[in-house]
Each structure stands twice: as C-alpha cells, then as structure tokens.
Protein backbone atom coordinates (compact mmCIF):
# COMPACT_ATOMS: atom_id res chain seq x y z
CA MET A 1 0.03 -0.25 0.28
CA SER A 2 1.61 3.25 -0.97
CA ARG A 3 1.61 5.43 1.82
CA ARG A 4 -0.44 8.17 0.28
CA ALA A 5 -3.41 5.47 -0.30
CA ALA A 6 -3.28 4.89 3.03
CA THR A 7 -3.71 8.41 4.42
CA VAL A 8 -7.16 8.86 2.32
CA ALA A 9 -8.13 5.51 2.71
CA ALA A 10 -7.74 3.73 6.56
CA PRO A 11 -7.78 0.28 7.09
CA LEU A 12 -11.53 -1.04 7.13
CA THR A 13 -12.74 -1.91 10.56
CA PRO A 14 -14.72 -5.41 10.60
CA GLU A 15 -18.25 -3.61 10.61
CA ARG A 16 -17.21 -1.09 7.65
CA ALA A 17 -16.01 -4.21 5.68
CA ARG A 18 -19.47 -5.96 6.14
CA ALA A 19 -20.92 -2.66 5.08
CA ARG A 20 -19.10 -2.76 2.02
CA GLU A 21 -19.66 -6.72 1.56
CA LEU A 22 -23.25 -5.27 1.43
CA GLN A 23 -22.60 -2.01 -0.75
CA ARG A 24 -21.29 -4.73 -3.71
CA ALA A 25 -24.81 -6.80 -3.08
CA ALA A 26 -26.32 -3.85 -3.51
CA ALA A 27 -24.76 -2.22 -6.10
CA GLU A 28 -24.89 -5.83 -8.38
CA LEU A 29 -28.91 -5.85 -7.97
CA PHE A 30 -28.92 -1.62 -8.92
CA PHE A 31 -26.77 -2.42 -12.11
CA THR A 32 -28.70 -5.82 -13.23
CA LYS A 33 -32.05 -4.86 -12.50
CA GLY A 34 -32.38 -0.73 -11.82
CA TYR A 35 -32.87 0.87 -8.99
CA GLU A 36 -36.57 1.85 -8.93
CA ALA A 37 -36.93 -1.97 -9.62
CA ALA A 38 -34.70 -3.82 -6.87
CA THR A 39 -36.13 -4.44 -3.71
CA ILE A 40 -34.32 -4.06 -0.02
CA ARG A 41 -35.56 -7.96 0.55
CA GLU A 42 -33.97 -8.99 -2.66
CA ILE A 43 -30.86 -7.05 -1.72
CA ALA A 44 -31.13 -8.95 1.89
CA ARG A 45 -32.01 -12.45 0.06
CA ALA A 46 -28.89 -11.83 -2.42
CA LEU A 47 -26.56 -12.12 0.70
CA GLY A 48 -28.85 -14.84 2.81
CA ILE A 49 -29.82 -12.24 5.58
CA LYS A 50 -33.23 -10.71 6.98
CA SER A 51 -34.35 -7.06 5.55
CA SER A 52 -33.98 -6.03 9.26
CA SER A 53 -29.98 -6.49 8.66
CA LEU A 54 -29.88 -3.87 6.59
CA TYR A 55 -31.24 -1.68 8.38
CA TYR A 56 -28.20 -1.65 11.00
CA HIS A 57 -26.21 0.79 8.21
CA TRP A 58 -29.04 2.47 6.07
CA ASP A 59 -32.33 4.07 6.55
CA ASN A 60 -33.48 2.84 3.48
CA LYS A 61 -32.77 2.32 -0.78
CA GLU A 62 -32.43 5.59 -1.56
CA THR A 63 -29.20 5.75 1.19
CA ILE A 64 -27.72 2.75 0.06
CA LEU A 65 -27.65 4.13 -3.29
CA PHE A 66 -26.89 7.45 -2.10
CA ASP A 67 -23.74 5.73 0.04
CA LEU A 68 -22.54 3.86 -3.16
CA ILE A 69 -22.78 7.50 -5.33
CA ARG A 70 -21.23 9.33 -2.80
CA SER A 71 -18.43 6.80 -2.12
CA THR A 72 -16.97 6.47 -5.59
CA MET A 73 -17.48 9.93 -6.52
CA GLU A 74 -15.58 11.11 -3.39
CA GLN A 75 -12.95 8.41 -4.14
CA LEU A 76 -12.75 9.95 -7.95
CA VAL A 77 -11.88 13.58 -5.89
CA ALA A 78 -9.66 12.63 -3.90
CA GLY A 79 -7.49 10.60 -6.53
CA ALA A 80 -7.19 13.70 -8.74
CA LYS A 81 -6.37 15.92 -5.75
CA SER A 82 -3.53 13.52 -5.44
CA VAL A 83 -2.45 13.88 -8.61
CA LEU A 84 -2.73 17.31 -8.78
CA GLU A 85 -0.12 17.39 -5.49
CA ARG A 86 2.17 15.64 -7.00
CA GLU A 87 2.05 16.64 -10.61
CA THR A 88 3.19 19.90 -11.84
CA SER A 89 3.21 19.73 -15.23
CA PRO A 90 -0.61 20.32 -17.18
CA ASP A 91 -0.30 17.21 -19.58
CA ARG A 92 1.49 14.89 -16.64
CA ARG A 93 -1.43 16.65 -14.67
CA LEU A 94 -4.35 15.78 -17.33
CA ALA A 95 -2.91 12.18 -18.14
CA GLY A 96 -2.79 10.93 -14.03
CA LEU A 97 -6.56 12.51 -13.89
CA VAL A 98 -7.59 10.09 -16.67
CA VAL A 99 -5.23 6.74 -15.38
CA HIS A 100 -7.26 7.49 -12.01
CA HIS A 101 -10.87 8.03 -13.66
CA VAL A 102 -10.38 4.85 -15.63
CA PHE A 103 -8.86 2.58 -12.47
CA LEU A 104 -11.68 3.64 -10.54
CA HIS A 105 -14.34 2.63 -13.27
CA ALA A 106 -12.58 -0.74 -14.25
CA LEU A 107 -11.94 -1.79 -10.54
CA ARG A 108 -15.51 -0.77 -9.09
CA PRO A 109 -17.66 -0.71 -12.42
CA GLN A 110 -20.98 -1.38 -11.24
CA GLU A 111 -20.72 0.76 -8.33
CA ALA A 112 -19.09 3.79 -10.67
CA THR A 113 -21.51 3.48 -13.18
CA LEU A 114 -24.47 3.99 -11.01
CA GLY A 115 -23.50 7.82 -10.89
CA GLU A 116 -24.32 8.31 -14.24
CA THR A 117 -27.29 5.93 -14.41
CA GLU A 118 -29.03 5.94 -11.34
CA LEU A 119 -28.50 9.92 -10.32
CA ARG A 120 -31.68 10.83 -11.28
CA SER A 121 -32.95 8.93 -8.34
CA LEU A 122 -31.65 10.92 -5.80
CA THR A 123 -33.88 13.06 -4.21
CA GLY A 124 -33.29 16.39 -1.99
CA ALA A 125 -29.77 16.77 0.17
CA ARG A 126 -28.24 13.88 -1.49
CA LEU A 127 -28.88 14.91 -4.82
CA ARG A 128 -27.53 18.50 -3.91
CA LYS A 129 -24.68 17.00 -2.04
CA THR A 130 -23.86 14.46 -4.97
CA LEU A 131 -24.37 17.38 -7.88
CA ARG A 132 -22.03 19.44 -5.62
CA THR A 133 -19.18 16.16 -5.66
CA ARG A 134 -19.55 16.14 -9.44
CA ASP A 135 -19.02 19.94 -9.36
CA ASP A 136 -16.17 20.12 -8.03
CA TYR A 137 -14.44 16.93 -9.96
CA GLU A 138 -15.49 18.60 -13.33
CA SER A 139 -13.65 21.88 -11.51
CA LEU A 140 -10.27 20.12 -11.17
CA VAL A 141 -10.60 18.64 -14.78
CA ILE A 142 -11.68 21.97 -16.40
CA GLY A 143 -8.67 23.88 -14.01
CA VAL A 144 -6.00 21.74 -16.04
CA LEU A 145 -7.34 22.27 -18.99
CA ASP A 146 -7.46 26.10 -18.24
CA GLU A 147 -3.60 25.71 -16.73
CA GLY A 148 -2.23 24.47 -19.94
CA ALA A 149 -4.10 26.35 -22.58
CA SER A 150 -2.70 29.35 -20.82
CA GLU A 151 0.49 27.78 -20.88
CA GLY A 152 0.56 27.10 -24.65
CA LEU A 153 0.68 23.49 -24.08
CA PHE A 154 -2.94 22.60 -25.10
CA GLU A 155 -4.88 23.99 -27.64
CA ILE A 156 -8.75 24.17 -26.73
CA LEU A 157 -12.01 24.80 -28.25
CA ASP A 158 -13.99 24.97 -25.59
CA PRO A 159 -12.16 24.09 -21.71
CA LYS A 160 -15.47 22.53 -20.22
CA LEU A 161 -16.79 20.77 -23.27
CA THR A 162 -13.54 19.19 -23.28
CA ALA A 163 -13.89 18.14 -19.72
CA TYR A 164 -17.27 16.52 -20.75
CA SER A 165 -15.32 14.36 -23.74
CA ILE A 166 -12.83 13.37 -21.39
CA ILE A 167 -15.02 12.28 -18.32
CA SER A 168 -17.66 10.85 -20.83
CA GLN A 169 -14.91 8.65 -22.11
CA CYS A 170 -13.43 7.27 -19.09
CA THR A 171 -16.35 6.42 -17.55
CA ASN A 172 -17.59 4.06 -20.16
CA VAL A 173 -14.27 1.58 -19.66
CA GLY A 174 -16.40 0.60 -16.47
CA ILE A 175 -19.03 -0.61 -18.74
CA TRP A 176 -16.80 -3.24 -21.10
CA PHE A 177 -13.77 -3.53 -19.66
CA ARG A 178 -12.81 -7.02 -18.59
CA PRO A 179 -9.53 -8.21 -16.54
CA ASP A 180 -9.36 -11.09 -19.19
CA GLY A 181 -9.45 -8.81 -22.21
CA ARG A 182 -6.98 -7.66 -24.86
CA LEU A 183 -5.32 -4.97 -23.31
CA SER A 184 -4.35 -4.93 -19.27
CA LEU A 185 -5.56 -2.48 -17.24
CA ASP A 186 -2.43 -0.72 -17.14
CA GLU A 187 -2.59 -0.61 -20.78
CA VAL A 188 -5.72 0.91 -21.30
CA ALA A 189 -5.08 3.90 -18.92
CA ALA A 190 -2.39 4.28 -20.85
CA VAL A 191 -4.45 4.40 -24.26
CA TYR A 192 -6.97 7.04 -22.57
CA ALA A 193 -4.33 8.80 -20.99
CA ASN A 194 -3.04 9.22 -24.81
CA PHE A 195 -6.56 9.79 -26.12
CA ALA A 196 -7.46 13.35 -23.44
CA LEU A 197 -4.20 14.15 -24.80
CA ARG A 198 -4.89 13.90 -28.13
CA THR A 199 -8.51 15.84 -27.42
CA ALA A 200 -6.62 18.66 -25.58
CA GLY A 201 -4.43 19.14 -28.63
CA ALA A 202 -1.16 18.21 -26.99
CA PRO A 203 2.13 16.06 -27.56
CA GLU A 204 1.08 12.04 -26.22
CA LEU A 205 3.33 10.97 -23.20
CA PRO A 206 5.38 7.82 -23.99
CA ALA A 207 4.33 4.61 -22.33
CA SER A 208 7.35 4.66 -19.56
CA SER A 209 5.85 8.67 -18.52
CA ILE A 210 2.58 6.95 -18.26
CA ALA A 211 3.73 3.58 -16.02
CA PRO A 212 3.99 5.31 -13.26
CA LEU A 213 1.33 7.11 -13.44
CA ALA A 214 -0.90 3.80 -13.17
CA ALA A 215 1.23 2.26 -10.49
CA ASP A 216 0.14 5.18 -8.22
CA ALA A 217 -3.72 4.94 -9.31
CA ARG A 218 -3.62 1.12 -8.64
CA ALA A 219 -2.32 1.21 -5.56
CA PHE A 220 -4.49 4.09 -4.56
CA HIS A 221 -7.87 2.82 -5.75
CA GLU A 222 -7.05 -0.95 -4.86
CA VAL A 223 -7.15 0.10 -0.71
CA TRP A 224 -10.56 1.99 -1.72
CA SER A 225 -11.87 -1.57 -3.74
C-alpha cells in the first residue's frame, strides 16, 4: 500500500468491511435490475440475511444508493487531488487524472456506473450533495485544461466541453472493461491518457511516463476497492 493511499483510505473495520460487502450486493442488483425495480428484500436475499439487518447500516433504499454514489465520487475526487498535489506539468496532470478515472471505473465498475445511470433517483439533500461533488470534480479537470491552455501546451476549443468529453470517455471503461480482455488495465489507462492529450491538442506521453501514474493509481484505488 502506498503512503498516499494509506492516508486517504484507512483500514476497514469489521463493521465497515461488512457494509462494503452489502454495498457490493446492492450495487450488483441496482446495476442489473435497476434501482427502482430492486427491493430491500432482494438485496437481503442475495446475501442470505434478513431485511432488518440492512437497516443497521442504512435507513432506506435511497440511502444505500446515495452511499454507493457518494463513495465512488469522493474516491474519484480524492484520486484527482492526489495527482494535482504530486504532478506539476499540465500534460502529466491531465494524464494522471485520466488514469485515476479509468482505474476507479475498472475496479468498481457497477458502483461507479450507478453515479451516471441512477443519479436521477436521488432526491433532496442527497441529490444536491452529489451534484456538488460532481461539479467539484469537473472543476478540477477544467482547471487542468485551462492551465495547459494558458501555458500554450494545450489547444482547446472549449475547456468545459473538452472536460465533459474526456470524463464521459473514461467513465465508459466501467461498462466494457474485462480483466481478461485484450489489453491490461495499465495498457487501457495509457491509451486513454493519450486519447485525452490528443483531445486537448497536446503531444502524447510515452508509455514509460504513464506507467508510474498507473502504478500509483492502482495502489490508491485498490485500497478503496
């Protein structure tokens, strides 16, 4: 475990480890059946427990969904901030953001994808908090693009739309990536990093420059997963 990752994600207590197990079961059901169609009873049945046991951790079904979306979004923001604290050049910052985004969505695909597909099911304060976190992340990406453009390293038509394009492209990795596929996760992350740099009108980075970014992202996100 890297020191940076350890400072962000503390070791799970037995209670929190059990909650993560319940989260994964709920995420799989929400992902395959849809949040609205899934029931607390079905989540409990999948784990072989009573429905009442789930209420020890969450008040209701929406709280489960919020907890799933919140945890992946906060993880995404934390990973992005770790890159910005460590890297100084806009091209490496952008590559690092992309690599972290790809690793998160590949390692927690169902949970991360729910942030896109089931966001509409959140209400009130939960929805507002989730949207603020999403906006915070988008601002980090836009900030890196603006920085690269101001330094003459990036050629961007519209920073906000470029950020949306890069984020959307990386998020889709969670839908199709398979560990036994043609490319390893490190290779996929490297390709997507250079996709983003091309989109920003910047030169690509060699694999040797992206490899350390991938190693750090793996250490960071495997702790959370």
